[in-house]
Amino acid sequence: MLRVKQVDQYIEKNVDEEFGEHLKQGFVTEYNRLRNVEGLMADELFNALWDVASGTGVNDFLIKAAGLNVLVYLFEKCEVFEK
């Protein structure tokens, strides 16, 4: 949760206005697919979304950490995800 504000500020200052909304909508769509079509729940669902945020198959620590920050930001911003 420490980096949510930093991710939010980055998106607000460095990308166009529509990007943040497209990012959220893309993850909501992927979340619904993973949960409703793939049947993933709990940790499996979180880990699958983390892979999407980091780039599937990426194992670099810094990239995984950045992906985790984006994912936590999205959990904070999107009402669709369970809290």
N, C-alpha and C. Protein backbone atom coordinates (compact mmCIF):
# COMPACT_ATOMS: atom_id res chain seq x y z
N MET A 1 0.81 -1.19 0.00
CA MET A 1 0.00 0.00 0.00
C MET A 1 0.86 1.27 0.00
N LEU A 2 2.12 1.14 0.36
CA LEU A 2 2.99 2.31 0.44
C LEU A 2 3.20 2.99 -0.90
N ARG A 3 3.15 2.25 -1.97
CA ARG A 3 3.44 2.80 -3.29
C ARG A 3 2.19 3.16 -4.10
N VAL A 4 1.01 2.94 -3.56
CA VAL A 4 -0.21 3.23 -4.30
C VAL A 4 -0.25 4.70 -4.72
N LYS A 5 0.07 5.59 -3.80
CA LYS A 5 0.06 7.02 -4.12
C LYS A 5 1.09 7.35 -5.19
N GLN A 6 2.25 6.72 -5.12
CA GLN A 6 3.31 6.97 -6.11
C GLN A 6 2.86 6.51 -7.50
N VAL A 7 2.25 5.34 -7.59
CA VAL A 7 1.75 4.84 -8.88
C VAL A 7 0.67 5.79 -9.40
N ASP A 8 -0.24 6.20 -8.52
CA ASP A 8 -1.31 7.12 -8.90
C ASP A 8 -0.73 8.43 -9.44
N GLN A 9 0.24 8.99 -8.75
CA GLN A 9 0.87 10.24 -9.19
C GLN A 9 1.57 10.06 -10.54
N TYR A 10 2.23 8.94 -10.72
CA TYR A 10 2.92 8.67 -11.98
C TYR A 10 1.92 8.64 -13.14
N ILE A 11 0.84 7.91 -12.94
CA ILE A 11 -0.16 7.79 -14.00
C ILE A 11 -0.79 9.15 -14.29
N GLU A 12 -1.09 9.91 -13.26
CA GLU A 12 -1.69 11.23 -13.44
C GLU A 12 -0.77 12.20 -14.19
N LYS A 13 0.53 12.15 -13.91
CA LYS A 13 1.47 13.13 -14.46
C LYS A 13 2.12 12.71 -15.77
N ASN A 14 2.24 11.42 -16.02
CA ASN A 14 3.07 10.97 -17.13
C ASN A 14 2.35 10.30 -18.29
N VAL A 15 1.09 10.09 -18.17
CA VAL A 15 0.36 9.46 -19.27
C VAL A 15 -0.93 10.23 -19.51
N ASP A 16 -1.55 10.01 -20.67
CA ASP A 16 -2.76 10.76 -20.97
C ASP A 16 -3.89 10.36 -20.03
N GLU A 17 -4.91 11.18 -20.00
CA GLU A 17 -6.02 11.00 -19.06
C GLU A 17 -6.72 9.66 -19.20
N GLU A 18 -6.78 9.16 -20.40
CA GLU A 18 -7.52 7.93 -20.65
C GLU A 18 -6.74 6.69 -20.22
N PHE A 19 -5.43 6.78 -20.10
CA PHE A 19 -4.61 5.60 -19.81
C PHE A 19 -5.01 4.94 -18.50
N GLY A 20 -5.15 5.73 -17.43
CA GLY A 20 -5.51 5.16 -16.13
C GLY A 20 -6.82 4.39 -16.20
N GLU A 21 -7.79 4.95 -16.89
CA GLU A 21 -9.08 4.28 -17.02
C GLU A 21 -8.97 3.01 -17.87
N HIS A 22 -8.20 3.06 -18.94
CA HIS A 22 -7.98 1.87 -19.77
C HIS A 22 -7.25 0.79 -18.98
N LEU A 23 -6.28 1.19 -18.18
CA LEU A 23 -5.53 0.25 -17.34
C LEU A 23 -6.48 -0.45 -16.37
N LYS A 24 -7.30 0.33 -15.68
CA LYS A 24 -8.25 -0.26 -14.73
C LYS A 24 -9.22 -1.20 -15.44
N GLN A 25 -9.77 -0.74 -16.56
CA GLN A 25 -10.75 -1.57 -17.27
C GLN A 25 -10.13 -2.86 -17.79
N GLY A 26 -8.89 -2.78 -18.26
CA GLY A 26 -8.21 -3.99 -18.73
C GLY A 26 -8.03 -5.01 -17.62
N PHE A 27 -7.69 -4.54 -16.43
CA PHE A 27 -7.51 -5.47 -15.32
C PHE A 27 -8.84 -5.99 -14.80
N VAL A 28 -9.88 -5.18 -14.83
CA VAL A 28 -11.20 -5.67 -14.43
C VAL A 28 -11.64 -6.78 -15.38
N THR A 29 -11.41 -6.57 -16.67
CA THR A 29 -11.76 -7.59 -17.67
C THR A 29 -10.97 -8.87 -17.42
N GLU A 30 -9.67 -8.74 -17.19
CA GLU A 30 -8.83 -9.92 -16.94
C GLU A 30 -9.22 -10.61 -15.64
N TYR A 31 -9.50 -9.83 -14.62
CA TYR A 31 -9.95 -10.37 -13.33
C TYR A 31 -11.21 -11.21 -13.54
N ASN A 32 -12.18 -10.65 -14.24
CA ASN A 32 -13.44 -11.38 -14.48
C ASN A 32 -13.20 -12.65 -15.28
N ARG A 33 -12.32 -12.59 -16.27
CA ARG A 33 -12.00 -13.78 -17.07
C ARG A 33 -11.35 -14.85 -16.20
N LEU A 34 -10.36 -14.46 -15.43
CA LEU A 34 -9.65 -15.43 -14.59
C LEU A 34 -10.57 -16.04 -13.54
N ARG A 35 -11.44 -15.24 -12.99
CA ARG A 35 -12.33 -15.72 -11.93
C ARG A 35 -13.50 -16.52 -12.49
N ASN A 36 -14.15 -15.99 -13.51
CA ASN A 36 -15.39 -16.61 -13.99
C ASN A 36 -15.18 -17.68 -15.05
N VAL A 37 -14.14 -17.54 -15.87
CA VAL A 37 -13.88 -18.52 -16.93
C VAL A 37 -12.86 -19.55 -16.46
N GLU A 38 -11.75 -19.08 -15.91
CA GLU A 38 -10.70 -19.99 -15.45
C GLU A 38 -11.00 -20.59 -14.07
N GLY A 39 -11.89 -19.96 -13.32
CA GLY A 39 -12.27 -20.47 -12.01
C GLY A 39 -11.23 -20.24 -10.92
N LEU A 40 -10.34 -19.29 -11.13
CA LEU A 40 -9.30 -19.03 -10.12
C LEU A 40 -9.88 -18.25 -8.95
N MET A 41 -9.36 -18.54 -7.78
CA MET A 41 -9.81 -17.86 -6.56
C MET A 41 -8.60 -17.58 -5.68
N ALA A 42 -8.76 -16.65 -4.79
CA ALA A 42 -7.80 -16.35 -3.73
C ALA A 42 -6.38 -16.15 -4.28
N ASP A 43 -5.42 -16.88 -3.73
CA ASP A 43 -4.01 -16.69 -4.10
C ASP A 43 -3.74 -16.99 -5.57
N GLU A 44 -4.40 -18.00 -6.13
CA GLU A 44 -4.19 -18.31 -7.54
C GLU A 44 -4.61 -17.14 -8.43
N LEU A 45 -5.72 -16.53 -8.08
CA LEU A 45 -6.22 -15.38 -8.83
C LEU A 45 -5.27 -14.19 -8.68
N PHE A 46 -4.85 -13.92 -7.46
CA PHE A 46 -3.91 -12.83 -7.22
C PHE A 46 -2.61 -13.05 -7.99
N ASN A 47 -2.06 -14.25 -7.92
CA ASN A 47 -0.80 -14.55 -8.61
C ASN A 47 -0.94 -14.44 -10.13
N ALA A 48 -2.08 -14.85 -10.66
CA ALA A 48 -2.30 -14.72 -12.11
C ALA A 48 -2.36 -13.25 -12.52
N LEU A 49 -3.03 -12.43 -11.72
CA LEU A 49 -3.08 -11.00 -12.00
C LEU A 49 -1.71 -10.36 -11.84
N TRP A 50 -0.94 -10.83 -10.88
CA TRP A 50 0.42 -10.31 -10.69
C TRP A 50 1.27 -10.63 -11.92
N ASP A 51 1.10 -11.82 -12.49
CA ASP A 51 1.81 -12.17 -13.73
C ASP A 51 1.42 -11.22 -14.86
N VAL A 52 0.16 -10.90 -14.95
CA VAL A 52 -0.30 -9.98 -16.00
C VAL A 52 0.34 -8.60 -15.78
N ALA A 53 0.35 -8.14 -14.55
CA ALA A 53 0.90 -6.81 -14.24
C ALA A 53 2.41 -6.75 -14.47
N SER A 54 3.09 -7.88 -14.29
CA SER A 54 4.55 -7.93 -14.40
C SER A 54 5.02 -8.36 -15.78
N GLY A 55 4.15 -8.97 -16.51
CA GLY A 55 4.53 -9.57 -17.79
C GLY A 55 4.68 -11.06 -17.57
N THR A 56 3.85 -11.82 -18.20
CA THR A 56 3.84 -13.27 -18.01
C THR A 56 5.21 -13.87 -18.28
N GLY A 57 5.69 -14.66 -17.35
CA GLY A 57 6.97 -15.33 -17.49
C GLY A 57 8.16 -14.52 -17.04
N VAL A 58 7.96 -13.29 -16.62
CA VAL A 58 9.06 -12.45 -16.15
C VAL A 58 9.42 -12.84 -14.72
N ASN A 59 10.71 -13.00 -14.46
CA ASN A 59 11.16 -13.37 -13.12
C ASN A 59 12.12 -12.36 -12.50
N ASP A 60 12.38 -11.25 -13.19
CA ASP A 60 13.25 -10.22 -12.68
C ASP A 60 12.60 -9.57 -11.45
N PHE A 61 13.35 -9.51 -10.34
CA PHE A 61 12.80 -9.01 -9.08
C PHE A 61 12.23 -7.60 -9.20
N LEU A 62 12.95 -6.70 -9.83
CA LEU A 62 12.50 -5.31 -9.92
C LEU A 62 11.23 -5.18 -10.76
N ILE A 63 11.15 -5.96 -11.81
CA ILE A 63 9.94 -5.92 -12.64
C ILE A 63 8.77 -6.52 -11.87
N LYS A 64 9.01 -7.62 -11.16
CA LYS A 64 7.94 -8.23 -10.35
C LYS A 64 7.47 -7.27 -9.26
N ALA A 65 8.43 -6.55 -8.64
CA ALA A 65 8.07 -5.57 -7.61
C ALA A 65 7.24 -4.44 -8.20
N ALA A 66 7.61 -3.96 -9.37
CA ALA A 66 6.84 -2.91 -10.03
C ALA A 66 5.44 -3.42 -10.38
N GLY A 67 5.36 -4.64 -10.89
CA GLY A 67 4.06 -5.24 -11.20
C GLY A 67 3.19 -5.35 -9.97
N LEU A 68 3.79 -5.71 -8.85
CA LEU A 68 3.04 -5.81 -7.59
C LEU A 68 2.52 -4.43 -7.17
N ASN A 69 3.33 -3.40 -7.33
CA ASN A 69 2.88 -2.05 -7.00
C ASN A 69 1.69 -1.64 -7.86
N VAL A 70 1.74 -1.95 -9.15
CA VAL A 70 0.63 -1.62 -10.04
C VAL A 70 -0.61 -2.42 -9.64
N LEU A 71 -0.43 -3.68 -9.32
CA LEU A 71 -1.57 -4.52 -8.94
C LEU A 71 -2.22 -4.02 -7.65
N VAL A 72 -1.42 -3.65 -6.67
CA VAL A 72 -1.98 -3.11 -5.41
C VAL A 72 -2.71 -1.80 -5.69
N TYR A 73 -2.14 -0.97 -6.55
CA TYR A 73 -2.82 0.26 -6.96
C TYR A 73 -4.20 -0.06 -7.55
N LEU A 74 -4.24 -1.06 -8.41
CA LEU A 74 -5.51 -1.42 -9.05
C LEU A 74 -6.51 -1.98 -8.05
N PHE A 75 -6.04 -2.76 -7.09
CA PHE A 75 -6.95 -3.27 -6.06
C PHE A 75 -7.54 -2.11 -5.27
N GLU A 76 -6.76 -1.08 -5.07
CA GLU A 76 -7.23 0.10 -4.34
C GLU A 76 -8.22 0.90 -5.18
N LYS A 77 -7.99 1.02 -6.48
CA LYS A 77 -8.81 1.86 -7.36
C LYS A 77 -10.09 1.18 -7.86
N CYS A 78 -10.08 -0.12 -8.01
CA CYS A 78 -11.19 -0.82 -8.66
C CYS A 78 -12.12 -1.43 -7.64
N GLU A 79 -13.37 -1.06 -7.71
CA GLU A 79 -14.35 -1.59 -6.78
C GLU A 79 -14.74 -3.03 -7.09
N VAL A 80 -14.40 -3.52 -8.26
CA VAL A 80 -14.79 -4.87 -8.66
C VAL A 80 -14.01 -5.92 -7.88
N PHE A 81 -12.73 -5.65 -7.62
CA PHE A 81 -11.91 -6.61 -6.89
C PHE A 81 -12.39 -6.72 -5.45
N GLU A 82 -12.36 -7.94 -4.92
CA GLU A 82 -12.71 -8.13 -3.52
C GLU A 82 -11.65 -7.55 -2.63
N LYS A 83 -12.05 -6.96 -1.55
CA LYS A 83 -11.09 -6.40 -0.59
C LYS A 83 -11.16 -7.15 0.71
